[in-house]
Protein backbone atom coordinates (compact mmCIF):
# COMPACT_ATOMS: atom_id res chain seq x y z
CA MET A 1 -36.79 -33.60 -69.68
CA PHE A 2 -35.79 -35.17 -73.09
CA LEU A 3 -34.26 -32.20 -74.76
CA ARG A 4 -31.60 -31.93 -72.09
CA SER A 5 -27.66 -32.03 -72.16
CA GLU A 6 -24.55 -31.77 -69.83
CA LYS A 7 -24.93 -27.89 -69.59
CA THR A 8 -28.22 -26.95 -71.96
CA TYR A 9 -31.61 -27.82 -72.08
CA LEU A 10 -34.28 -26.46 -74.49
CA ARG A 11 -37.60 -25.60 -73.65
CA ALA A 12 -40.80 -24.17 -75.07
CA LEU A 13 -41.35 -20.44 -75.00
CA GLU A 14 -43.11 -19.42 -71.89
CA PRO A 15 -45.13 -16.25 -70.91
CA THR A 16 -42.43 -15.21 -68.71
CA ASP A 17 -40.07 -14.98 -71.56
CA LEU A 18 -41.17 -11.52 -72.80
CA ASP A 19 -38.24 -9.83 -71.34
CA PHE A 20 -35.85 -11.92 -72.65
CA LEU A 21 -37.22 -11.93 -76.01
CA TYR A 22 -37.67 -8.21 -76.05
CA THR A 23 -33.80 -8.10 -75.32
CA LEU A 24 -32.78 -10.67 -77.71
CA GLU A 25 -35.04 -9.46 -80.69
CA ASN A 26 -33.70 -5.90 -79.87
CA ASP A 27 -30.19 -6.78 -80.19
CA THR A 28 -28.99 -4.52 -83.14
CA SER A 29 -25.81 -6.50 -83.25
CA VAL A 30 -27.53 -9.58 -84.38
CA TRP A 31 -30.40 -8.09 -86.52
CA HIS A 32 -28.41 -8.99 -89.84
CA VAL A 33 -28.50 -12.74 -88.85
CA GLY A 34 -32.51 -12.65 -89.00
CA ASN A 35 -32.91 -9.99 -91.34
CA SER A 36 -34.54 -7.37 -89.04
CA LEU A 37 -34.53 -3.79 -89.59
CA THR A 38 -36.86 -2.49 -87.13
CA PRO A 39 -37.34 -3.25 -83.34
CA TYR A 40 -39.94 -5.42 -81.91
CA SER A 41 -42.37 -3.81 -79.43
CA ARG A 42 -43.45 -5.54 -76.26
CA PHE A 43 -46.86 -6.06 -77.35
CA VAL A 44 -45.83 -7.34 -80.83
CA LEU A 45 -43.77 -10.03 -78.85
CA GLN A 46 -46.50 -10.58 -76.17
CA ALA A 47 -49.02 -11.36 -79.40
CA TYR A 48 -46.26 -13.68 -80.57
CA LEU A 49 -46.12 -15.58 -77.09
CA GLU A 50 -49.66 -15.99 -76.85
CA ASN A 51 -49.36 -18.10 -80.45
CA ALA A 52 -46.20 -19.88 -79.67
CA THR A 53 -48.12 -22.77 -78.39
CA LEU A 54 -49.42 -23.56 -81.88
CA ASP A 55 -48.29 -26.87 -83.51
CA ILE A 56 -45.29 -26.75 -85.86
CA TYR A 57 -47.53 -28.56 -88.48
CA THR A 58 -49.92 -25.66 -88.62
CA VAL A 59 -47.49 -22.69 -88.41
CA LYS A 60 -44.57 -24.31 -89.91
CA GLN A 61 -42.14 -23.01 -87.32
CA LEU A 62 -40.98 -23.68 -83.93
CA ARG A 63 -39.12 -21.84 -81.73
CA LEU A 64 -37.28 -23.06 -78.52
CA VAL A 65 -35.38 -21.28 -75.71
CA ILE A 66 -31.77 -22.31 -74.97
CA CYS A 67 -31.53 -22.61 -70.95
CA ASN A 68 -28.49 -23.31 -68.94
CA GLN A 69 -28.30 -25.59 -65.64
CA GLU A 70 -28.96 -22.42 -63.70
CA ASP A 71 -32.55 -22.29 -65.74
CA GLN A 72 -31.29 -18.95 -67.29
CA ALA A 73 -32.44 -18.31 -70.85
CA THR A 74 -29.20 -18.11 -72.89
CA GLY A 75 -30.58 -17.97 -76.28
CA ALA A 76 -32.97 -19.52 -78.82
CA ILE A 77 -33.11 -21.99 -81.59
CA ASP A 78 -35.60 -22.24 -84.25
CA LEU A 79 -36.96 -24.30 -86.91
CA PHE A 80 -38.64 -22.34 -89.70
CA ASP A 81 -39.98 -23.08 -93.41
CA PHE A 82 -40.99 -26.63 -92.13
CA ASP A 83 -41.91 -28.65 -94.84
CA PRO A 84 -43.71 -32.00 -93.81
CA LEU A 85 -43.97 -33.45 -97.20
CA HIS A 86 -40.30 -33.19 -98.11
CA ARG A 87 -39.37 -33.47 -94.65
CA ARG A 88 -36.97 -30.53 -94.17
CA ALA A 89 -36.70 -27.51 -92.24
CA GLY A 90 -34.42 -24.21 -91.91
CA LEU A 91 -32.75 -23.71 -88.68
CA GLY A 92 -31.28 -20.67 -86.84
CA ILE A 93 -29.93 -20.31 -83.63
CA VAL A 94 -28.75 -17.16 -81.46
CA VAL A 95 -27.33 -16.91 -78.02
CA ALA A 96 -27.28 -13.49 -76.15
CA ALA A 97 -24.26 -12.15 -75.57
CA PRO A 98 -23.23 -12.52 -72.11
CA HIS A 99 -23.61 -16.32 -72.84
CA ARG A 100 -21.60 -16.83 -76.33
CA GLY A 101 -18.67 -19.12 -75.86
CA LYS A 102 -19.47 -21.38 -73.16
CA GLY A 103 -20.85 -24.29 -74.80
CA HIS A 104 -24.60 -23.46 -75.25
CA ALA A 105 -24.70 -23.49 -79.18
CA PRO A 106 -23.21 -26.70 -79.99
CA GLU A 107 -25.37 -28.56 -77.10
CA ALA A 108 -28.46 -26.78 -78.03
CA LEU A 109 -27.79 -27.85 -81.88
CA GLN A 110 -27.21 -31.15 -81.30
CA LEU A 111 -30.40 -31.61 -79.16
CA LEU A 112 -32.39 -30.01 -81.91
CA LEU A 113 -30.90 -32.36 -84.58
CA ASP A 114 -31.76 -35.14 -82.31
CA TYR A 115 -35.41 -33.85 -82.23
CA CYS A 116 -35.68 -33.19 -85.91
CA GLN A 117 -34.35 -36.92 -86.40
CA SER A 118 -36.19 -39.02 -83.93
CA THR A 119 -39.36 -36.81 -83.41
CA LEU A 120 -40.26 -34.73 -86.37
CA LEU A 121 -38.72 -37.62 -88.85
CA LEU A 122 -36.90 -35.04 -90.83
CA HIS A 123 -34.72 -35.81 -93.77
CA GLN A 124 -32.83 -32.65 -93.70
CA VAL A 125 -32.13 -29.18 -92.19
CA TYR A 126 -30.44 -26.26 -93.86
CA CYS A 127 -29.28 -22.63 -92.48
CA THR A 128 -27.95 -19.68 -94.17
CA VAL A 129 -24.38 -17.97 -92.32
CA THR A 130 -22.96 -14.92 -93.40
CA ALA A 131 -19.80 -15.47 -94.65
CA THR A 132 -17.88 -13.25 -91.77
CA ASN A 133 -19.71 -15.05 -89.34
CA LEU A 134 -16.97 -17.66 -88.54
CA ALA A 135 -18.20 -18.99 -85.12
CA SER A 136 -21.38 -20.04 -86.65
CA ILE A 137 -19.44 -21.38 -89.73
CA ASN A 138 -17.42 -23.41 -87.32
CA LEU A 139 -20.54 -24.27 -85.26
CA PHE A 140 -22.56 -25.99 -88.35
CA GLN A 141 -19.33 -27.57 -89.69
CA LYS A 142 -18.44 -29.34 -86.40
CA ALA A 143 -22.04 -30.42 -86.10
CA GLY A 144 -21.57 -32.26 -89.51
CA PHE A 145 -23.35 -29.62 -91.90
CA GLU A 146 -22.01 -29.53 -95.36
CA ARG A 147 -21.32 -26.24 -97.22
CA VAL A 148 -23.48 -26.40 -100.59
CA GLY A 149 -23.04 -23.05 -101.87
CA ILE A 150 -22.14 -19.60 -101.50
CA ARG A 151 -24.90 -16.62 -102.35
CA LYS A 152 -22.80 -13.60 -103.52
CA ASP A 153 -23.58 -10.18 -102.39
CA TRP A 154 -26.78 -11.41 -100.62
CA LEU A 155 -26.99 -9.01 -97.56
CA GLN A 156 -26.60 -5.44 -97.78
CA THR A 157 -25.01 -4.00 -94.31
CA PRO A 158 -23.56 -0.35 -93.39
CA THR A 159 -20.27 -1.82 -94.58
CA GLY A 160 -21.32 -3.01 -97.99
CA TRP A 161 -22.68 -6.17 -99.14
CA GLN A 162 -21.84 -9.56 -97.66
CA ASP A 163 -21.93 -13.09 -98.86
CA VAL A 164 -23.87 -15.82 -97.30
CA VAL A 165 -22.84 -19.59 -97.15
CA GLU A 166 -25.71 -22.15 -97.42
CA PHE A 167 -25.33 -25.32 -95.29
CA GLN A 168 -27.24 -28.37 -95.29
CA LYS A 169 -27.33 -31.61 -93.37
CA VAL A 170 -28.89 -34.79 -94.15
CA LEU A 171 -30.31 -36.77 -91.05
CA SER A 172 -31.69 -39.80 -92.60
């Protein structure tokens, strides 16, 4: 498997991922990361899984499951807004609560960056992180992403408005 590191590997979505996706997508503690406001039904997620085999050039996105060496799904990593003309894509990552802090996010991110550069031939990737999400800010900075801006009062939360930090990494 070419998307493998010491602790982590990335794989395509499988029909058996329905329960994992249901739990991950309905975790309200991370909804602000993906701009979700409503829960996802199993029916909607099943339909998503049925179409997940479509090519990134067709649907302009790619979701991979992050797995540990025990073959447990620990999170998901996404490319979105894929733009083959300008050779860039947005990037998002989420690790399920029981698996956070175990080194899966940095390894998954590096695997995806290698794939973006060597297979998709992307020039750059970018991401948006809430200014209070210090773990994600640290993750992207350690991976060589450059902080390129702040959007003030970008996200409304139950506790008030939050700024977001924009990051970019030029790959080639």
